[in-house]
């Protein structure tokens, strides 16, 4: 009689619908490592004190679905003068001194929780970090330190950034979904597609405008040849005509580049306003950003208007110059 051996291999397998969850829990137990889930929201948000309170309330409601053993939160306010305040609870944050004159650069809301999920060996740590930024305050700070439109371009990104450190991916996705629903309630203004296109091509304005006026001046010179009544064999008049034409073409080219550069700087200085409005400094920063936008837009429009008027009057200017040559002859 032959003896049947045991065909089972040493070790174990995780099976069932909870397999993935248990595997993640075991990985965290053995290594102590967590994963990270991030998302960025890039609309122009208008964030107030009530929005932060609503964020805390949303997260509190979310926690009701799990066996949460312990929670704590920290709210840190960063001002543009490099000062910061940290509050250990929402109640403490509510008594924040709103009379401060230094605008808020960012608010970092950090929520830590310890969750005991079913079929997991031990409680799991999770950390939700929501960073709220103010473009209005940040651009004011950048313009004071580096007054150039080139640097303003770097601050057109999102105003809300979310990072979630997690053990269980399903739980993390649930948390992110809660943040998504909160972001949808924050007041925002849509981005301007026209402004985005103009700013994306603004670096070409000076060359395009210069080339445009150069071509117009060339056409004006050719069309003005018949103004000269003297024969072409008159070398003196011919030399004057050529010198005047070259001078007209060169000057119009550089005038075009100058006006195009002014339009470029005006367009680049316009920034879509996304802000935090909690203290007095925030209100002043918002008013200043709005005023700067109006001035920059006016500068760009005036530059393009002058360029258009100059292009339209190009033939007339050329005719006056060449008429004077004819009279002097």
Protein backbone atom coordinates (compact mmCIF):
# COMPACT_ATOMS: atom_id res chain seq x y z
CA UNK A 1 0.00 0.00 0.00
CA UNK A 2 1.39 3.28 -1.00
CA UNK A 3 1.27 6.19 1.41
CA UNK A 4 -0.09 9.43 0.06
CA UNK A 5 2.06 12.42 0.89
CA UNK A 6 0.82 15.86 1.81
CA UNK A 7 0.78 18.00 -1.36
CA UNK A 8 0.35 21.38 0.45
CA UNK A 9 3.30 23.69 0.13
CA UNK A 10 4.71 25.47 3.17
CA UNK A 11 3.57 29.04 3.68
CA UNK A 12 0.17 30.69 3.44
CA UNK A 13 -2.05 32.52 0.99
CA UNK A 14 -4.38 35.48 1.59
CA UNK A 15 -7.72 34.85 -0.06
CA UNK A 16 -11.13 36.43 -0.18
CA UNK A 17 -12.47 39.94 -0.75
CA UNK A 18 -10.38 41.38 2.10
CA UNK A 19 -7.11 39.97 0.74
CA UNK A 20 -5.77 43.24 -0.62
CA UNK A 21 -6.63 45.11 2.56
CA UNK A 22 -4.95 42.50 4.75
CA UNK A 23 -1.88 42.46 2.53
CA UNK A 24 -1.52 46.23 2.83
CA UNK A 25 -1.95 46.05 6.59
CA UNK A 26 0.71 43.35 6.89
CA UNK A 27 3.09 45.37 4.72
CA UNK A 28 2.64 48.38 6.98
CA UNK A 29 3.08 46.22 10.08
CA UNK A 30 6.34 44.75 8.82
CA UNK A 31 7.91 47.83 7.20
CA UNK A 32 6.22 50.70 9.00
CA UNK A 33 5.89 52.46 5.62
CA UNK A 34 2.87 54.28 4.22
CA UNK A 35 1.92 55.27 0.69
CA UNK A 36 1.02 58.76 -0.53
CA UNK A 37 -1.87 60.02 -2.66
CA UNK A 38 -1.82 63.61 -3.99
CA UNK A 39 -4.09 65.90 -5.95
CA UNK A 40 -3.89 69.52 -7.08
CA UNK A 41 -6.82 71.87 -7.72
CA UNK A 42 -5.98 74.76 -10.05
CA UNK A 43 -9.08 76.95 -10.21
CA UNK A 44 -9.15 80.52 -8.90
CA UNK A 45 -10.52 79.91 -5.42
CA UNK A 46 -11.78 82.49 -2.93
CA UNK A 47 -11.12 80.92 0.45
CA UNK A 48 -12.56 82.30 3.66
CA UNK A 49 -12.67 81.31 7.32
CA UNK A 50 -15.91 79.37 6.87
CA UNK A 51 -14.34 77.23 4.15
CA UNK A 52 -11.70 75.95 6.59
CA UNK A 53 -14.43 75.26 9.16
CA UNK A 54 -16.44 73.36 6.56
CA UNK A 55 -13.36 71.31 5.62
CA UNK A 56 -12.96 70.20 9.24
CA UNK A 57 -16.67 69.39 9.45
CA UNK A 58 -16.54 67.29 6.25
CA UNK A 59 -13.60 65.28 7.51
CA UNK A 60 -15.32 64.75 10.86
CA UNK A 61 -18.40 63.38 9.11
CA UNK A 62 -16.19 61.12 6.99
CA UNK A 63 -14.62 59.56 10.09
CA UNK A 64 -18.01 58.33 11.31
CA UNK A 65 -17.89 55.36 8.91
CA UNK A 66 -14.77 53.83 10.48
CA UNK A 67 -13.67 52.76 13.93
CA UNK A 68 -11.48 55.78 14.62
CA UNK A 69 -9.39 55.34 17.75
CA UNK A 70 -7.73 58.75 17.89
CA UNK A 71 -7.64 62.01 15.92
CA UNK A 72 -5.84 65.33 16.11
CA UNK A 73 -5.41 68.33 13.84
CA UNK A 74 -3.00 71.19 13.35
CA UNK A 75 -3.75 74.38 11.41
CA UNK A 76 -0.73 76.48 10.46
CA UNK A 77 -1.04 79.98 8.98
CA UNK A 78 1.93 81.36 7.01
CA UNK A 79 2.09 85.13 6.47
CA UNK A 80 4.02 86.93 3.73
CA UNK A 81 6.31 88.51 6.34
CA UNK A 82 7.60 84.97 7.13
CA UNK A 83 5.72 84.75 10.42
CA UNK A 84 3.53 81.75 11.13
CA UNK A 85 0.97 80.67 13.70
CA UNK A 86 0.06 77.09 14.56
CA UNK A 87 -3.25 76.13 16.15
CA UNK A 88 -3.74 72.71 17.73
CA UNK A 89 -7.50 72.65 17.20
CA UNK A 90 -10.22 74.25 15.14
CA UNK A 91 -11.59 76.06 18.20
CA UNK A 92 -8.25 77.79 18.68
CA UNK A 93 -8.12 78.64 14.99
CA UNK A 94 -11.52 80.35 15.19
CA UNK A 95 -10.10 82.98 17.54
CA UNK A 96 -7.37 83.94 15.04
CA UNK A 97 -6.66 87.69 15.13
CA UNK A 98 -8.33 88.93 11.94
CA UNK A 99 -7.03 92.49 12.45
CA UNK A 100 -3.50 91.52 11.35
CA UNK A 101 -2.17 93.53 8.40
CA UNK A 102 0.21 90.92 7.02
CA UNK A 103 -1.56 88.96 4.24
CA UNK A 104 -1.86 85.18 4.59
CA UNK A 105 0.38 83.38 2.12
CA UNK A 106 -0.96 79.90 2.87
CA UNK A 107 -2.90 77.78 5.35
CA UNK A 108 -1.84 74.19 6.03
CA UNK A 109 -4.56 71.99 7.51
CA UNK A 110 -3.19 68.68 8.84
CA UNK A 111 -5.51 65.98 10.15
CA UNK A 112 -4.13 62.77 11.69
CA UNK A 113 -6.26 59.76 12.53
CA UNK A 114 -5.72 56.23 13.75
CA UNK A 115 -8.19 53.76 12.25
CA UNK A 116 -8.90 50.16 13.21
CA UNK A 117 -10.28 48.41 10.14
CA UNK A 118 -11.85 44.98 10.10
CA UNK A 119 -9.52 42.03 9.56
CA UNK A 120 -6.40 44.13 10.18
CA UNK A 121 -3.85 43.20 12.86
CA UNK A 122 -3.47 46.65 14.35
CA UNK A 123 -4.70 50.27 13.99
CA UNK A 124 -3.47 52.12 10.90
CA UNK A 125 -2.25 55.73 10.79
CA UNK A 126 -3.54 58.15 8.15
CA UNK A 127 -2.59 61.75 7.56
CA UNK A 128 -4.53 64.28 5.47
CA UNK A 129 -2.71 67.50 4.55
CA UNK A 130 -4.58 70.26 2.70
CA UNK A 131 -2.55 73.29 1.64
CA UNK A 132 -4.52 76.43 0.78
CA UNK A 133 -2.58 79.12 -1.06
CA UNK A 134 -3.24 82.78 -1.84
CA UNK A 135 -1.97 83.91 -5.23
CA UNK A 136 -2.84 87.53 -4.45
CA UNK A 137 -0.57 87.55 -1.38
CA UNK A 138 2.18 85.52 -3.01
CA UNK A 139 2.35 87.68 -6.14
CA UNK A 140 2.54 90.81 -3.99
CA UNK A 141 5.47 89.28 -2.12
CA UNK A 142 7.21 88.23 -5.35
CA UNK A 143 6.74 91.63 -6.98
CA UNK A 144 8.32 93.34 -3.97
CA UNK A 145 11.33 91.02 -3.96
CA UNK A 146 11.68 90.34 -7.72
CA UNK A 147 9.73 93.02 -9.66
CA UNK A 148 9.60 91.25 -13.02
CA UNK A 149 6.64 89.73 -14.93
CA UNK A 150 8.84 86.70 -15.64
CA UNK A 151 8.68 85.64 -12.00
CA UNK A 152 4.93 86.25 -11.78
CA UNK A 153 4.45 83.50 -14.40
CA UNK A 154 5.59 80.89 -11.88
CA UNK A 155 2.61 81.58 -9.62
CA UNK A 156 -0.29 80.63 -11.88
CA UNK A 157 -0.71 77.20 -10.41
CA UNK A 158 -3.36 75.73 -8.15
CA UNK A 159 -4.46 77.22 -4.87
CA UNK A 160 -5.41 73.92 -3.16
CA UNK A 161 -3.08 70.94 -2.82
CA UNK A 162 -3.96 67.68 -1.05
CA UNK A 163 -1.62 64.95 0.23
CA UNK A 164 -2.89 61.78 1.92
CA UNK A 165 -0.50 59.33 3.60
CA UNK A 166 -2.25 56.00 3.86
CA UNK A 167 -2.03 52.26 4.42
CA UNK A 168 -5.26 51.12 2.76
CA UNK A 169 -5.79 52.54 -0.73
CA UNK A 170 -9.58 52.22 -0.63
CA UNK A 171 -9.70 54.29 2.55
CA UNK A 172 -7.42 56.91 0.97
CA UNK A 173 -9.64 57.18 -2.09
CA UNK A 174 -12.64 57.66 0.19
CA UNK A 175 -10.77 60.48 1.94
CA UNK A 176 -9.86 62.12 -1.36
CA UNK A 177 -13.47 61.89 -2.49
CA UNK A 178 -14.49 63.76 0.66
CA UNK A 179 -11.94 66.51 -0.11
CA UNK A 180 -13.26 66.68 -3.69
CA UNK A 181 -16.79 67.27 -2.43
CA UNK A 182 -15.51 70.04 -0.15
CA UNK A 183 -13.51 71.75 -2.92
CA UNK A 184 -16.68 71.81 -5.04
CA UNK A 185 -18.32 74.04 -2.40
CA UNK A 186 -15.50 76.63 -2.35
CA UNK A 187 -16.32 79.76 -4.35
CA UNK A 188 -14.22 80.11 -7.49
CA UNK A 189 -14.02 82.03 -10.76
CA UNK A 190 -13.33 80.32 -14.11
CA UNK A 191 -9.98 80.83 -15.78
CA UNK A 192 -9.78 83.16 -18.75
CA UNK A 193 -8.88 81.17 -21.87
CA UNK A 194 -8.12 84.36 -23.81
CA UNK A 195 -5.69 85.56 -21.14
CA UNK A 196 -4.02 82.15 -21.03
CA UNK A 197 -3.49 82.19 -24.81
CA UNK A 198 -2.15 85.77 -24.81
CA UNK A 199 0.26 85.10 -21.96
CA UNK A 200 1.42 81.90 -23.63
CA UNK A 201 2.36 83.85 -26.77
CA UNK A 202 3.35 87.18 -25.18
CA UNK A 203 7.07 86.52 -25.64
CA UNK A 204 6.52 86.88 -29.40
CA UNK A 205 4.82 90.28 -29.23
CA UNK A 206 7.92 92.44 -29.76
CA UNK A 207 9.20 90.47 -32.76
CA UNK A 208 5.76 90.22 -34.37
CA UNK A 209 4.99 93.90 -33.90
CA UNK A 210 8.45 94.90 -35.14
CA UNK A 211 8.09 92.73 -38.24
CA UNK A 212 4.56 94.04 -38.86
CA UNK A 213 5.67 97.69 -38.87
CA UNK A 214 8.74 96.80 -40.95
CA UNK A 215 6.53 95.31 -43.68
CA UNK A 216 4.11 98.24 -43.54
CA UNK A 217 6.99 100.71 -43.84
CA UNK A 218 8.39 98.82 -46.84
CA UNK A 219 5.03 98.99 -48.59
CA UNK A 220 4.74 102.69 -47.73
CA UNK A 221 8.18 103.39 -49.23
CA UNK A 222 7.40 101.56 -52.47
CA UNK A 223 4.04 103.30 -52.82
CA UNK A 224 5.65 106.71 -52.26
CA UNK A 225 8.15 106.46 -55.12
CA UNK A 226 5.81 108.33 -57.47
CA UNK A 227 5.80 111.32 -55.13
CA UNK A 228 9.26 112.27 -56.33
CA UNK A 229 8.80 114.46 -59.42
CA UNK A 230 12.45 114.51 -60.40
CA UNK A 231 13.93 111.83 -62.63
CA UNK A 232 15.58 108.85 -61.06
CA UNK A 233 18.88 109.92 -62.68
CA UNK A 234 19.14 112.72 -60.13
CA UNK A 235 21.63 111.06 -57.79
CA UNK A 236 21.13 113.53 -54.95
CA UNK A 237 17.39 113.01 -54.72
CA UNK A 238 17.84 109.25 -55.15
CA UNK A 239 20.33 109.17 -52.28
CA UNK A 240 17.97 111.17 -50.07
CA UNK A 241 15.10 108.84 -50.96
CA UNK A 242 17.13 105.74 -50.13
CA UNK A 243 18.39 107.18 -46.83
CA UNK A 244 14.89 108.31 -45.85
CA UNK A 245 13.47 104.88 -46.75
CA UNK A 246 16.12 103.02 -44.73
CA UNK A 247 15.65 105.37 -41.78
CA UNK A 248 11.87 105.00 -41.97
CA UNK A 249 12.04 101.19 -42.12
CA UNK A 250 14.54 100.87 -39.25
CA UNK A 251 12.76 103.36 -36.99
CA UNK A 252 9.37 101.77 -37.58
CA UNK A 253 10.82 98.33 -36.83
CA UNK A 254 12.21 99.42 -33.46
CA UNK A 255 9.05 101.37 -32.64
CA UNK A 256 7.11 98.17 -33.26
CA UNK A 257 9.44 96.19 -30.99
CA UNK A 258 9.12 98.85 -28.27
CA UNK A 259 5.32 98.92 -28.36
CA UNK A 260 5.18 95.11 -28.57
CA UNK A 261 7.44 94.86 -25.51
CA UNK A 262 5.19 97.23 -23.57
CA UNK A 263 2.16 95.13 -24.53
CA UNK A 264 4.00 91.96 -23.49
CA UNK A 265 4.86 93.33 -20.05
CA UNK A 266 1.30 94.54 -19.59
CA UNK A 267 -0.22 91.15 -20.49
CA UNK A 268 2.29 89.22 -18.36
CA UNK A 269 1.55 91.42 -15.35
CA UNK A 270 -2.14 90.47 -15.39
CA UNK A 271 -2.70 87.66 -12.90
CA UNK A 272 -5.88 85.70 -12.28
CA UNK A 273 -6.84 86.34 -8.66
CA UNK A 274 -7.07 83.42 -6.25
CA UNK A 275 -6.93 84.35 -2.61
CA UNK A 276 -7.46 83.70 1.07
CA UNK A 277 -9.55 86.38 2.72
CA UNK A 278 -9.45 86.23 6.51
CA UNK A 279 -7.55 89.23 7.90
CA UNK A 280 -7.20 92.93 7.04
CA UNK A 281 -3.96 92.34 5.14
CA UNK A 282 -5.75 89.90 2.85
CA UNK A 283 -8.35 92.50 1.90
CA UNK A 284 -5.61 95.02 1.07
CA UNK A 285 -3.67 92.47 -0.98
CA UNK A 286 -6.82 91.61 -2.97
CA UNK A 287 -7.55 95.29 -3.65
CA UNK A 288 -3.94 95.86 -4.72
CA UNK A 289 -3.94 92.83 -7.01
CA UNK A 290 -7.20 93.97 -8.63
CA UNK A 291 -5.83 97.48 -9.14
CA UNK A 292 -2.56 96.16 -10.61
CA UNK A 293 -4.51 93.97 -13.02
CA UNK A 294 -6.51 96.96 -14.27
CA UNK A 295 -3.35 99.05 -14.75
CA UNK A 296 -1.51 96.24 -16.54
CA UNK A 297 -4.45 95.53 -18.83
CA UNK A 298 -4.79 99.25 -19.61
CA UNK A 299 -1.07 99.42 -20.42
CA UNK A 300 -1.36 96.49 -22.83
CA UNK A 301 -4.46 97.92 -24.52
CA UNK A 302 -2.91 101.39 -24.90
CA UNK A 303 0.29 99.89 -26.34
CA UNK A 304 -1.65 97.84 -28.89
CA UNK A 305 -3.86 100.85 -29.67
CA UNK A 306 -0.85 103.08 -30.32
CA UNK A 307 0.68 100.33 -32.44
CA UNK A 308 -2.51 100.04 -34.51
CA UNK A 309 -2.76 103.81 -34.97
CA UNK A 310 0.90 103.96 -35.92
CA UNK A 311 0.47 101.16 -38.47
CA UNK A 312 -2.58 102.88 -39.98
CA UNK A 313 -0.75 106.21 -40.21
CA UNK A 314 2.43 104.66 -41.58
CA UNK A 315 1.65 105.50 -45.24
CA UNK A 316 0.63 109.02 -44.29
CA UNK A 317 3.86 109.56 -42.34
CA UNK A 318 5.91 108.22 -45.24
CA UNK A 319 4.11 110.51 -47.71
CA UNK A 320 4.86 113.55 -45.51
CA UNK A 321 8.56 112.65 -45.32
CA UNK A 322 8.91 112.08 -49.05
CA UNK A 323 6.87 115.20 -49.88
CA UNK A 324 9.34 117.21 -47.83
CA UNK A 325 12.19 115.69 -49.85
CA UNK A 326 10.42 116.70 -53.05
CA UNK A 327 9.90 120.28 -51.83
CA UNK A 328 13.47 120.63 -50.65
CA UNK A 329 14.70 119.57 -54.04
